Amino acid sequence: MMSDQASEGESAGDPASKTARYAVPNAIARLISLDPGLFAFSVTGVAPWRGAERGLALPAVHVCPVHAVSDSAVEITNGTGRPGAWLGGRADTLFVRSPPEGGTALVTAYLARDPSGPALALSIRRLDRPTDAPGTTPAEVPITTVPLATPVVAVRPQEEVGLEILLHIRGRGDVYFFEPGWAGRVGAGSWVEAFAILPQHALAASAIEYKGLSASGVETGWLPSGSRCGTSGRSTPLLGFAVRQKAGIAGARFDCKYSGYFQSGVISGPVRNGAPCLSTVANDPLEGLQLRIIDRSAGR
């Protein structure tokens, strides 16, 4: 259904500090790639806006097309059918129509300066029937939740990095996984066509890269965090993947440990730090993955 890439307004500060914490960003921007169709965007995780006498009430979310003057630009309207761009105040829903070839929206969250506040997230609900799922109704299409901000937490020595993993799954579209454990494994034949990894740690997000091998024989190059690896909607499964830390990232030491679950039932791994994760069965589609990233540099 959709994918995203994130960039936070500020970095995590000195990674060598024993008590390193996220800097609280002013804004967080994400690119949301949409399949063709009509979607409803709304914000979750915050109390209702009460407005402000002057300026902009925070938090607030701005949504705009990436290619505003292009024929492939998404169209964004509010509840009255007029052009819209903001979620906040009286505007609690925006309607986003993606053209037949798909489109991309830029979502920018302007945050309140309360690091202990609740998580802020964008809820994306499809309102029409997906073209690749003729047996479904709009009510059966799952709601996708895209995190925009989470409460600030400490990073302790050798602490496991929080992860957001996006899988594009055959017959289901994009599915986000946030909790530790397996991402995917949603049923036989529900193989992974593409994935993206978004570490919830500024230094890890800049340090981690990954690659994939598709059933068509294409092996991608090493891609940075937030990049989509693979294809979507082409029924081409991935056969393997690998994750590692980039070379030359000063002051960082991340240990990547990962496993793959394949259509044959084979579980491969765990393997580490750039080693390929493949099935022992030839041409065996990947149906799930498990990844742990341990920060071994924060306590130095």
C-alpha atoms as a PDB file:
ATOM      1  CA  MET A   1       0.000   0.000   0.000  1.00  0.00           C
ATOM      2  CA  MET A   2       2.570   2.547   1.014  1.00  0.00           C
ATOM      3  CA  SER A   3       6.138   2.939   2.139  1.00  0.00           C
ATOM      4  CA  ASP A   4       8.085   5.659   3.820  1.00  0.00           C
ATOM      5  CA  GLN A   5      11.515   7.085   4.388  1.00  0.00           C
ATOM      6  CA  ALA A   6      12.259   9.107   7.498  1.00  0.00           C
ATOM      7  CA  SER A   7      14.641  11.940   8.298  1.00  0.00           C
ATOM      8  CA  GLU A   8      14.706  13.484  11.749  1.00  0.00           C
ATOM      9  CA  GLY A   9      15.398  17.134  12.390  1.00  0.00           C
ATOM     10  CA  GLU A  10      18.276  16.605  14.846  1.00  0.00           C
ATOM     11  CA  SER A  11      20.829  13.892  15.590  1.00  0.00           C
ATOM     12  CA  ALA A  12      21.281  11.877  18.757  1.00  0.00           C
ATOM     13  CA  GLY A  13      24.199  13.971  19.975  1.00  0.00           C
ATOM     14  CA  ASP A  14      27.596  12.565  21.042  1.00  0.00           C
ATOM     15  CA  PRO A  15      27.428   8.777  20.562  1.00  0.00           C
ATOM     16  CA  ALA A  16      30.339   8.296  22.955  1.00  0.00           C
ATOM     17  CA  SER A  17      28.426   9.712  25.901  1.00  0.00           C
ATOM     18  CA  LYS A  18      27.482   7.099  28.477  1.00  0.00           C
ATOM     19  CA  THR A  19      24.087   8.713  28.812  1.00  0.00           C
ATOM     20  CA  ALA A  20      23.475   9.525  25.144  1.00  0.00           C
ATOM     21  CA  ARG A  21      19.861  10.427  24.388  1.00  0.00           C
ATOM     22  CA  TYR A  22      17.936  11.434  21.322  1.00  0.00           C
ATOM     23  CA  ALA A  23      17.827  15.133  20.730  1.00  0.00           C
ATOM     24  CA  VAL A  24      14.197  16.193  20.595  1.00  0.00           C
ATOM     25  CA  PRO A  25      13.582  17.164  16.951  1.00  0.00           C
ATOM     26  CA  ASN A  26      11.567  20.191  15.878  1.00  0.00           C
ATOM     27  CA  ALA A  27      10.118  18.281  12.945  1.00  0.00           C
ATOM     28  CA  ILE A  28      10.140  14.842  11.384  1.00  0.00           C
ATOM     29  CA  ALA A  29       9.584  14.308   7.647  1.00  0.00           C
ATOM     30  CA  ARG A  30       8.574  11.103   5.900  1.00  0.00           C
ATOM     31  CA  LEU A  31       8.029  10.220   2.263  1.00  0.00           C
ATOM     32  CA  ILE A  32       4.896   8.086   1.867  1.00  0.00           C
ATOM     33  CA  SER A  33       4.687   6.139  -1.413  1.00  0.00           C
ATOM     34  CA  LEU A  34       1.129   5.146  -2.308  1.00  0.00           C
ATOM     35  CA  ASP A  35      -0.370   2.587  -4.620  1.00  0.00           C
ATOM     36  CA  PRO A  36      -3.156   3.909  -6.899  1.00  0.00           C
ATOM     37  CA  GLY A  37      -6.346   4.650  -4.976  1.00  0.00           C
ATOM     38  CA  LEU A  38      -8.038   6.838  -2.378  1.00  0.00           C
ATOM     39  CA  PHE A  39      -6.729   7.051   1.192  1.00  0.00           C
ATOM     40  CA  ALA A  40      -7.756   8.808   4.408  1.00  0.00           C
ATOM     41  CA  PHE A  41      -4.921  10.331   6.477  1.00  0.00           C
ATOM     42  CA  SER A  42      -5.469  11.099  10.168  1.00  0.00           C
ATOM     43  CA  VAL A  43      -3.270  11.513  13.242  1.00  0.00           C
ATOM     44  CA  THR A  44      -3.294   9.249  16.288  1.00  0.00           C
ATOM     45  CA  GLY A  45      -1.513   9.238  19.619  1.00  0.00           C
ATOM     46  CA  VAL A  46      -2.220  12.826  20.731  1.00  0.00           C
ATOM     47  CA  ALA A  47      -4.984  14.553  22.628  1.00  0.00           C
ATOM     48  CA  PRO A  48      -7.379  16.709  20.529  1.00  0.00           C
ATOM     49  CA  TRP A  49      -5.919  20.054  19.523  1.00  0.00           C
ATOM     50  CA  ARG A  50      -7.241  22.985  21.535  1.00  0.00           C
ATOM     51  CA  GLY A  51      -5.853  25.620  19.194  1.00  0.00           C
ATOM     52  CA  ALA A  52      -3.622  28.560  20.006  1.00  0.00           C
ATOM     53  CA  GLU A  53      -4.140  32.290  20.215  1.00  0.00           C
ATOM     54  CA  ARG A  54      -1.028  32.983  18.150  1.00  0.00           C
ATOM     55  CA  GLY A  55       1.005  30.915  15.738  1.00  0.00           C
ATOM     56  CA  LEU A  56       0.714  27.201  15.096  1.00  0.00           C
ATOM     57  CA  ALA A  57      -0.781  24.819  17.641  1.00  0.00           C
ATOM     58  CA  LEU A  58       1.581  21.877  18.132  1.00  0.00           C
ATOM     59  CA  PRO A  59       1.853  19.126  17.264  1.00  0.00           C
ATOM     60  CA  ALA A  60       0.690  19.677  13.683  1.00  0.00           C
ATOM     61  CA  VAL A  61       1.100  17.598  10.530  1.00  0.00           C
ATOM     62  CA  HIS A  62       1.507  18.937   6.987  1.00  0.00           C
ATOM     63  CA  VAL A  63       0.837  16.747   3.917  1.00  0.00           C
ATOM     64  CA  CYS A  64       1.782  17.782   0.385  1.00  0.00           C
ATOM     65  CA  PRO A  65       2.513  16.191  -3.015  1.00  0.00           C
ATOM     66  CA  VAL A  66       6.154  15.582  -3.843  1.00  0.00           C
ATOM     67  CA  HIS A  67       5.666  16.556  -7.501  1.00  0.00           C
ATOM     68  CA  ALA A  68       2.995  19.245  -7.219  1.00  0.00           C
ATOM     69  CA  VAL A  69       3.010  20.252 -10.890  1.00  0.00           C
ATOM     70  CA  SER A  70       3.285  16.744 -12.312  1.00  0.00           C
ATOM     71  CA  ASP A  71       0.469  14.672 -13.784  1.00  0.00           C
ATOM     72  CA  SER A  72       1.540  11.970 -11.322  1.00  0.00           C
ATOM     73  CA  ALA A  73       1.039  14.190  -8.265  1.00  0.00           C
ATOM     74  CA  VAL A  74      -1.313  13.030  -5.556  1.00  0.00           C
ATOM     75  CA  GLU A  75      -4.440  15.128  -4.878  1.00  0.00           C
ATOM     76  CA  ILE A  76      -5.113  16.172  -1.277  1.00  0.00           C
ATOM     77  CA  THR A  77      -8.476  17.501  -0.060  1.00  0.00           C
ATOM     78  CA  ASN A  78     -10.147  18.125   3.283  1.00  0.00           C
ATOM     79  CA  GLY A  79     -13.586  17.065   4.471  1.00  0.00           C
ATOM     80  CA  THR A  80     -15.307  19.792   2.439  1.00  0.00           C
ATOM     81  CA  GLY A  81     -13.711  18.656  -0.825  1.00  0.00           C
ATOM     82  CA  ARG A  82     -11.414  21.667  -1.009  1.00  0.00           C
ATOM     83  CA  PRO A  83      -7.621  21.478  -1.294  1.00  0.00           C
ATOM     84  CA  GLY A  84      -6.100  20.678   2.090  1.00  0.00           C
ATOM     85  CA  ALA A  85      -2.675  20.265   3.626  1.00  0.00           C
ATOM     86  CA  TRP A  86      -2.862  20.376   7.443  1.00  0.00           C
ATOM     87  CA  LEU A  87      -3.919  17.924  10.119  1.00  0.00           C
ATOM     88  CA  GLY A  88      -4.563  19.783  13.355  1.00  0.00           C
ATOM     89  CA  GLY A  89      -7.123  22.158  14.788  1.00  0.00           C
ATOM     90  CA  ARG A  90     -10.473  21.411  13.172  1.00  0.00           C
ATOM     91  CA  ALA A  91      -8.973  19.332  10.357  1.00  0.00           C
ATOM     92  CA  ASP A  92      -8.844  15.746  11.605  1.00  0.00           C
ATOM     93  CA  THR A  93      -8.816  13.954   8.208  1.00  0.00           C
ATOM     94  CA  LEU A  94      -7.275  14.551   4.796  1.00  0.00           C
ATOM     95  CA  PHE A  95      -8.263  12.570   1.701  1.00  0.00           C
ATOM     96  CA  VAL A  96      -5.366  11.645  -0.577  1.00  0.00           C
ATOM     97  CA  ARG A  97      -5.962  10.310  -4.083  1.00  0.00           C
ATOM     98  CA  SER A  98      -3.016   8.617  -5.774  1.00  0.00           C
ATOM     99  CA  PRO A  99      -2.949   8.490  -9.615  1.00  0.00           C
ATOM    100  CA  PRO A 100      -3.078   5.249 -11.640  1.00  0.00           C
ATOM    101  CA  GLU A 101       0.709   4.910 -11.655  1.00  0.00           C
ATOM    102  CA  GLY A 102       0.947   5.574  -7.916  1.00  0.00           C
ATOM    103  CA  GLY A 103       2.291   8.672  -6.195  1.00  0.00           C
ATOM    104  CA  THR A 104       4.254  10.060  -3.261  1.00  0.00           C
ATOM    105  CA  ALA A 105       3.297  12.443  -0.461  1.00  0.00           C
ATOM    106  CA  LEU A 106       5.635  14.311   1.876  1.00  0.00           C
ATOM    107  CA  VAL A 107       4.417  14.241   5.486  1.00  0.00           C
ATOM    108  CA  THR A 108       6.030  16.679   7.942  1.00  0.00           C
ATOM    109  CA  ALA A 109       5.202  16.532  11.650  1.00  0.00           C
ATOM    110  CA  TYR A 110       5.892  19.700  13.656  1.00  0.00           C
ATOM    111  CA  LEU A 111       6.358  18.493  17.216  1.00  0.00           C
ATOM    112  CA  ALA A 112       5.670  19.819  20.676  1.00  0.00           C
ATOM    113  CA  ARG A 113       8.728  20.024  22.908  1.00  0.00           C
ATOM    114  CA  ASP A 114       7.611  17.340  25.345  1.00  0.00           C
ATOM    115  CA  PRO A 115       9.922  14.313  25.075  1.00  0.00           C
ATOM    116  CA  SER A 116       7.803  12.335  27.532  1.00  0.00           C
ATOM    117  CA  GLY A 117       4.578  12.840  25.590  1.00  0.00           C
ATOM    118  CA  PRO A 118       2.648  10.104  23.800  1.00  0.00           C
ATOM    119  CA  ALA A 119       3.776   8.679  20.471  1.00  0.00           C
ATOM    120  CA  LEU A 120       2.563  10.583  17.419  1.00  0.00           C
ATOM    121  CA  ALA A 121       1.555   8.515  14.390  1.00  0.00           C
ATOM    122  CA  LEU A 122      -0.125   8.895  11.020  1.00  0.00           C
ATOM    123  CA  SER A 123      -3.031   6.529  10.336  1.00  0.00           C
ATOM    124  CA  ILE A 124      -3.545   5.683   6.659  1.00  0.00           C
ATOM    125  CA  ARG A 125      -6.776   3.908   5.673  1.00  0.00           C
ATOM    126  CA  ARG A 126      -7.656   2.874   2.158  1.00  0.00           C
ATOM    127  CA  LEU A 127     -11.166   3.925   1.140  1.00  0.00           C
ATOM    128  CA  ASP A 128     -11.503   2.101  -2.178  1.00  0.00           C
ATOM    129  CA  ARG A 129     -10.910  -1.487  -3.206  1.00  0.00           C
ATOM    130  CA  PRO A 130      -7.292  -2.390  -4.078  1.00  0.00           C
ATOM    131  CA  THR A 131      -6.984  -3.316  -7.746  1.00  0.00           C
ATOM    132  CA  ASP A 132      -4.886  -6.376  -6.892  1.00  0.00           C
ATOM    133  CA  ALA A 133      -7.406  -7.695  -4.337  1.00  0.00           C
ATOM    134  CA  PRO A 134     -10.796  -7.876  -6.134  1.00  0.00           C
ATOM    135  CA  GLY A 135     -12.341 -10.033  -3.425  1.00  0.00           C
ATOM    136  CA  THR A 136     -11.947  -7.461  -0.673  1.00  0.00           C
ATOM    137  CA  THR A 137     -14.074  -4.527   0.425  1.00  0.00           C
ATOM    138  CA  PRO A 138     -12.732  -1.220   1.769  1.00  0.00           C
ATOM    139  CA  ALA A 139     -13.728  -2.265   5.294  1.00  0.00           C
ATOM    140  CA  GLU A 140     -11.432  -5.297   5.015  1.00  0.00           C
ATOM    141  CA  VAL A 141      -8.367  -3.273   4.002  1.00  0.00           C
ATOM    142  CA  PRO A 142      -6.079  -2.916   7.058  1.00  0.00           C
ATOM    143  CA  ILE A 143      -5.215   0.472   8.486  1.00  0.00           C
ATOM    144  CA  THR A 144      -1.513   1.303   8.218  1.00  0.00           C
ATOM    145  CA  THR A 145       0.078   3.250  11.072  1.00  0.00           C
ATOM    146  CA  VAL A 146       3.240   5.230  10.314  1.00  0.00           C
ATOM    147  CA  PRO A 147       5.108   6.477  13.416  1.00  0.00           C
ATOM    148  CA  LEU A 148       5.976  10.169  13.350  1.00  0.00           C
ATOM    149  CA  ALA A 149       7.490  10.530  16.806  1.00  0.00           C
ATOM    150  CA  THR A 150       7.996   8.354  19.870  1.00  0.00           C
ATOM    151  CA  PRO A 151       8.828   9.339  23.458  1.00  0.00           C
ATOM    152  CA  VAL A 152      12.514   9.981  24.061  1.00  0.00           C
ATOM    153  CA  VAL A 153      14.327   7.054  25.679  1.00  0.00           C
ATOM    154  CA  ALA A 154      17.855   6.536  26.927  1.00  0.00           C
ATOM    155  CA  VAL A 155      20.377   4.522  24.939  1.00  0.00           C
ATOM    156  CA  ARG A 156      22.349   2.299  27.301  1.00  0.00           C
ATOM    157  CA  PRO A 157      25.528   0.277  26.662  1.00  0.00           C
ATOM    158  CA  GLN A 158      24.960  -2.758  24.433  1.00  0.00           C
ATOM    159  CA  GLU A 159      21.262  -1.966  24.208  1.00  0.00           C
ATOM    160  CA  GLU A 160      19.152  -3.454  21.439  1.00  0.00           C
ATOM    161  CA  VAL A 161      18.117  -0.790  18.939  1.00  0.00           C
ATOM    162  CA  GLY A 162      14.384  -0.372  18.386  1.00  0.00           C
ATOM    163  CA  LEU A 163      13.345  -1.162  14.828  1.00  0.00           C
ATOM    164  CA  GLU A 164      10.544  -0.393  12.429  1.00  0.00           C
ATOM    165  CA  ILE A 165      10.448  -2.950   9.608  1.00  0.00           C
ATOM    166  CA  LEU A 166       8.297  -2.533   6.516  1.00  0.00           C
ATOM    167  CA  LEU A 167       7.519  -5.617   4.421  1.00  0.00           C
ATOM    168  CA  HIS A 168       5.689  -5.541   1.111  1.00  0.00           C
ATOM    169  CA  ILE A 169       3.917  -8.912   1.253  1.00  0.00           C
ATOM    170  CA  ARG A 170       2.329 -10.657  -1.696  1.00  0.00           C
ATOM    171  CA  GLY A 171      -1.444 -10.137  -1.642  1.00  0.00           C
ATOM    172  CA  ARG A 172      -1.341  -7.833   1.397  1.00  0.00           C
ATOM    173  CA  GLY A 173       0.693  -4.812   0.371  1.00  0.00           C
ATOM    174  CA  ASP A 174       2.842  -2.928   2.855  1.00  0.00           C
ATOM    175  CA  VAL A 175       2.764  -4.116   6.458  1.00  0.00           C
ATOM    176  CA  TYR A 176       4.693  -2.459   9.300  1.00  0.00           C
ATOM    177  CA  PHE A 177       6.212  -4.433  12.190  1.00  0.00           C
ATOM    178  CA  PHE A 178       7.375  -2.736  15.385  1.00  0.00           C
ATOM    179  CA  GLU A 179       7.659  -5.302  18.176  1.00  0.00           C
ATOM    180  CA  PRO A 180      10.646  -7.652  18.608  1.00  0.00           C
ATOM    181  CA  GLY A 181      10.262 -11.021  16.936  1.00  0.00           C
ATOM    182  CA  TRP A 182       9.436 -12.140  13.430  1.00  0.00           C
ATOM    183  CA  ALA A 183       8.345  -9.706  10.736  1.00  0.00           C
ATOM    184  CA  GLY A 184       6.199 -11.469   8.181  1.00  0.00           C
ATOM    185  CA  ARG A 185       5.225 -15.160   8.432  1.00  0.00           C
ATOM    186  CA  VAL A 186       1.576 -14.251   7.777  1.00  0.00           C
ATOM    187  CA  GLY A 187       0.634 -17.396   5.855  1.00  0.00           C
ATOM    188  CA  ALA A 188       1.729 -19.848   3.190  1.00  0.00           C
ATOM    189  CA  GLY A 189       2.460 -18.154  -0.117  1.00  0.00           C
ATOM    190  CA  SER A 190       2.655 -14.709   1.503  1.00  0.00           C
ATOM    191  CA  TRP A 191       6.200 -14.091   0.452  1.00  0.00           C
ATOM    192  CA  VAL A 192       8.172 -10.879   0.873  1.00  0.00           C
ATOM    193  CA  GLU A 193       8.563  -8.826  -2.305  1.00  0.00           C
ATOM    194  CA  ALA A 194      10.379  -5.874  -0.706  1.00  0.00           C
ATOM    195  CA  PHE A 195      11.471  -4.601   2.692  1.00  0.00           C
ATOM    196  CA  ALA A 196      12.795  -1.499   4.418  1.00  0.00           C
ATOM    197  CA  ILE A 197      14.507  -1.195   7.800  1.00  0.00           C
ATOM    198  CA  LEU A 198      14.223   1.970   9.902  1.00  0.00           C
ATOM    199  CA  PRO A 199      16.223   1.872  13.153  1.00  0.00           C
ATOM    200  CA  GLN A 200      14.660   4.042  15.872  1.00  0.00           C
ATOM    201  CA  HIS A 201      18.076   5.463  16.776  1.00  0.00           C
ATOM    202  CA  ALA A 202      19.664   8.338  14.859  1.00  0.00           C
ATOM    203  CA  LEU A 203      23.208   6.937  14.727  1.00  0.00           C
ATOM    204  CA  ALA A 204      22.041   3.441  13.807  1.00  0.00           C
ATOM    205  CA  ALA A 205      19.818   4.871  11.069  1.00  0.00           C
ATOM    206  CA  SER A 206      22.869   6.468   9.463  1.00  0.00           C
ATOM    207  CA  ALA A 207      25.126   3.438  10.021  1.00  0.00           C
ATOM    208  CA  ILE A 208      23.051   0.432   8.914  1.00  0.00           C
ATOM    209  CA  GLU A 209      22.739  -0.804   5.326  1.00  0.00           C
ATOM    210  CA  TYR A 210      21.212  -3.874   3.714  1.00  0.00           C
ATOM    211  CA  LYS A 211      20.768  -5.719   0.417  1.00  0.00           C
ATOM    212  CA  GLY A 212      18.491  -8.359  -1.101  1.00  0.00           C
ATOM    213  CA  LEU A 213      18.410 -11.128  -3.710  1.00  0.00           C
ATOM    214  CA  SER A 214      15.262 -11.508  -5.826  1.00  0.00           C
ATOM    215  CA  ALA A 215      13.899 -14.603  -7.579  1.00  0.00           C
ATOM    216  CA  SER A 216      14.654 -12.913 -10.910  1.00  0.00           C
ATOM    217  CA  GLY A 217      18.349 -13.197 -10.037  1.00  0.00           C
ATOM    218  CA  VAL A 218      18.864  -9.509  -9.284  1.00  0.00           C
ATOM    219  CA  GLU A 219      21.090  -8.758  -6.308  1.00  0.00           C
ATOM    220  CA  THR A 220      20.745  -5.180  -5.120  1.00  0.00           C
ATOM    221  CA  GLY A 221      23.592  -3.012  -4.002  1.00  0.00           C
ATOM    222  CA  TRP A 222      23.949  -2.042  -0.353  1.00  0.00           C
ATOM    223  CA  LEU A 223      21.107   0.367   0.472  1.00  0.00           C
ATOM    224  CA  PRO A 224      20.882   2.864   3.371  1.00  0.00           C
ATOM    225  CA  SER A 225      18.261   2.690   6.127  1.00  0.00           C
ATOM    226  CA  GLY A 226      14.781   3.656   4.979  1.00  0.00           C
ATOM    227  CA  SER A 227      15.343   2.535   1.365  1.00  0.00           C
ATOM    228  CA  ARG A 228      12.989   0.017  -0.201  1.00  0.00           C
ATOM    229  CA  CYS A 229      14.826  -3.162  -1.180  1.00  0.00           C
ATOM    230  CA  GLY A 230      13.084  -5.314  -3.788  1.00  0.00           C
ATOM    231  CA  THR A 231       9.986  -4.781  -5.935  1.00  0.00           C
ATOM    232  CA  SER A 232       6.327  -4.225  -5.074  1.00  0.00           C
ATOM    233  CA  GLY A 233       3.270  -5.671  -6.766  1.00  0.00           C
ATOM    234  CA  ARG A 234       5.194  -7.719  -9.339  1.00  0.00           C
ATOM    235  CA  SER A 235       4.825 -11.094  -7.569  1.00  0.00           C
ATOM    236  CA  THR A 236       8.610 -11.392  -7.500  1.00  0.00           C
ATOM    237  CA  PRO A 237       9.727 -12.751  -4.127  1.00  0.00           C
ATOM    238  CA  LEU A 238      12.993 -12.099  -2.384  1.00  0.00           C
ATOM    239  CA  LEU A 239      15.164 -15.172  -1.863  1.00  0.00           C
ATOM    240  CA  GLY A 240      17.552 -13.680   0.671  1.00  0.00           C
ATOM    241  CA  PHE A 241      18.928 -10.603   2.376  1.00  0.00           C
ATOM    242  CA  ALA A 242      21.842  -9.301   4.434  1.00  0.00           C
ATOM    243  CA  VAL A 243      22.328  -6.486   6.977  1.00  0.00           C
ATOM    244  CA  ARG A 244      25.512  -4.844   8.212  1.00  0.00           C
ATOM    245  CA  GLN A 245      27.070  -1.644   9.510  1.00  0.00           C
ATOM    246  CA  LYS A 246      28.612   0.621   6.902  1.00  0.00           C
ATOM    247  CA  ALA A 247      32.371   0.981   6.886  1.00  0.00           C
ATOM    248  CA  GLY A 248      33.876   4.193   8.172  1.00  0.00           C
ATOM    249  CA  ILE A 249      31.165   5.233  10.675  1.00  0.00           C
ATOM    250  CA  ALA A 250      33.215   6.788  13.468  1.00  0.00           C
ATOM    251  CA  GLY A 251      32.231   6.099  17.068  1.00  0.00           C
ATOM    252  CA  ALA A 252      29.701   3.386  16.209  1.00  0.00           C
ATOM    253  CA  ARG A 253      29.748  -0.354  16.629  1.00  0.00           C
ATOM    254  CA  PHE A 254      26.515  -2.131  15.761  1.00  0.00           C
ATOM    255  CA  ASP A 255      26.182  -5.890  15.758  1.00  0.00           C
ATOM    256  CA  CYS A 256      23.539  -7.117  13.274  1.00  0.00           C
ATOM    257  CA  LYS A 257      22.093 -10.589  13.835  1.00  0.00           C
ATOM    258  CA  TYR A 258      19.301 -11.913  11.589  1.00  0.00           C
ATOM    259  CA  SER A 259      17.386 -14.986  10.431  1.00  0.00           C
ATOM    260  CA  GLY A 260      15.022 -15.792   7.559  1.00  0.00           C
ATOM    261  CA  TYR A 261      11.913 -17.942   7.318  1.00  0.00           C
ATOM    262  CA  PHE A 262      11.260 -19.420   3.872  1.00  0.00           C
ATOM    263  CA  GLN A 263       8.269 -20.892   2.033  1.00  0.00           C
ATOM    264  CA  SER A 264       9.619 -24.436   2.339  1.00  0.00           C
ATOM    265  CA  GLY A 265       9.614 -24.113   6.124  1.00  0.00           C
ATOM    266  CA  VAL A 266      13.386 -23.720   6.325  1.00  0.00           C
ATOM    267  CA  ILE A 267      14.674 -21.262   8.916  1.00  0.00           C
ATOM    268  CA  SER A 268      18.109 -19.929   8.021  1.00  0.00           C
ATOM    269  CA  GLY A 269      20.409 -18.314  10.543  1.00  0.00           C
ATOM    270  CA  PRO A 270      21.039 -16.525  12.661  1.00  0.00           C
ATOM    271  CA  VAL A 271      23.854 -15.024  10.620  1.00  0.00           C
ATOM    272  CA  ARG A 272      25.687 -11.796  11.311  1.00  0.00           C
ATOM    273  CA  ASN A 273      27.054  -8.594   9.900  1.00  0.00           C
ATOM    274  CA  GLY A 274      26.669  -8.831   6.136  1.00  0.00           C
ATOM    275  CA  ALA A 275      26.598 -12.604   5.689  1.00  0.00           C
ATOM    276  CA  PRO A 276      23.845 -13.672   3.220  1.00  0.00           C
ATOM    277  CA  CYS A 277      20.708 -15.191   4.726  1.00  0.00           C
ATOM    278  CA  LEU A 278      19.433 -17.769   2.206  1.00  0.00           C
ATOM    279  CA  SER A 279      17.431 -20.980   2.315  1.00  0.00           C
ATOM    280  CA  THR A 280      19.138 -24.334   1.854  1.00  0.00           C
ATOM    281  CA  VAL A 281      16.393 -25.051  -0.719  1.00  0.00           C
ATOM    282  CA  ALA A 282      16.855 -23.583  -4.193  1.00  0.00           C
ATOM    283  CA  ASN A 283      14.534 -20.748  -5.276  1.00  0.00           C
ATOM    284  CA  ASP A 284      12.836 -20.678  -1.863  1.00  0.00           C
ATOM    285  CA  PRO A 285      10.851 -17.417  -1.329  1.00  0.00           C
ATOM    286  CA  LEU A 286      11.454 -15.434   1.847  1.00  0.00           C
ATOM    287  CA  GLU A 287       8.280 -15.205   3.973  1.00  0.00           C
ATOM    288  CA  GLY A 288       9.624 -13.595   7.145  1.00  0.00           C
ATOM    289  CA  LEU A 289      12.699 -12.158   8.773  1.00  0.00           C
ATOM    290  CA  GLN A 290      13.976 -11.554  12.265  1.00  0.00           C
ATOM    291  CA  LEU A 291      16.557  -8.866  12.992  1.00  0.00           C
ATOM    292  CA  ARG A 292      18.365  -7.678  16.097  1.00  0.00           C
ATOM    293  CA  ILE A 293      20.752  -4.715  16.097  1.00  0.00           C
ATOM    294  CA  ILE A 294      22.837  -4.276  19.241  1.00  0.00           C
ATOM    295  CA  ASP A 295      24.493  -0.937  19.986  1.00  0.00           C
ATOM    296  CA  ARG A 296      27.888  -1.772  21.497  1.00  0.00           C
ATOM    297  CA  SER A 297      29.285   1.759  21.310  1.00  0.00           C
ATOM    298  CA  ALA A 298      27.004   3.801  23.582  1.00  0.00           C
ATOM    299  CA  GLY A 299      28.822   2.914  26.802  1.00  0.00           C
ATOM    300  CA  ARG A 300      32.334   3.739  25.674  1.00  0.00           C
END
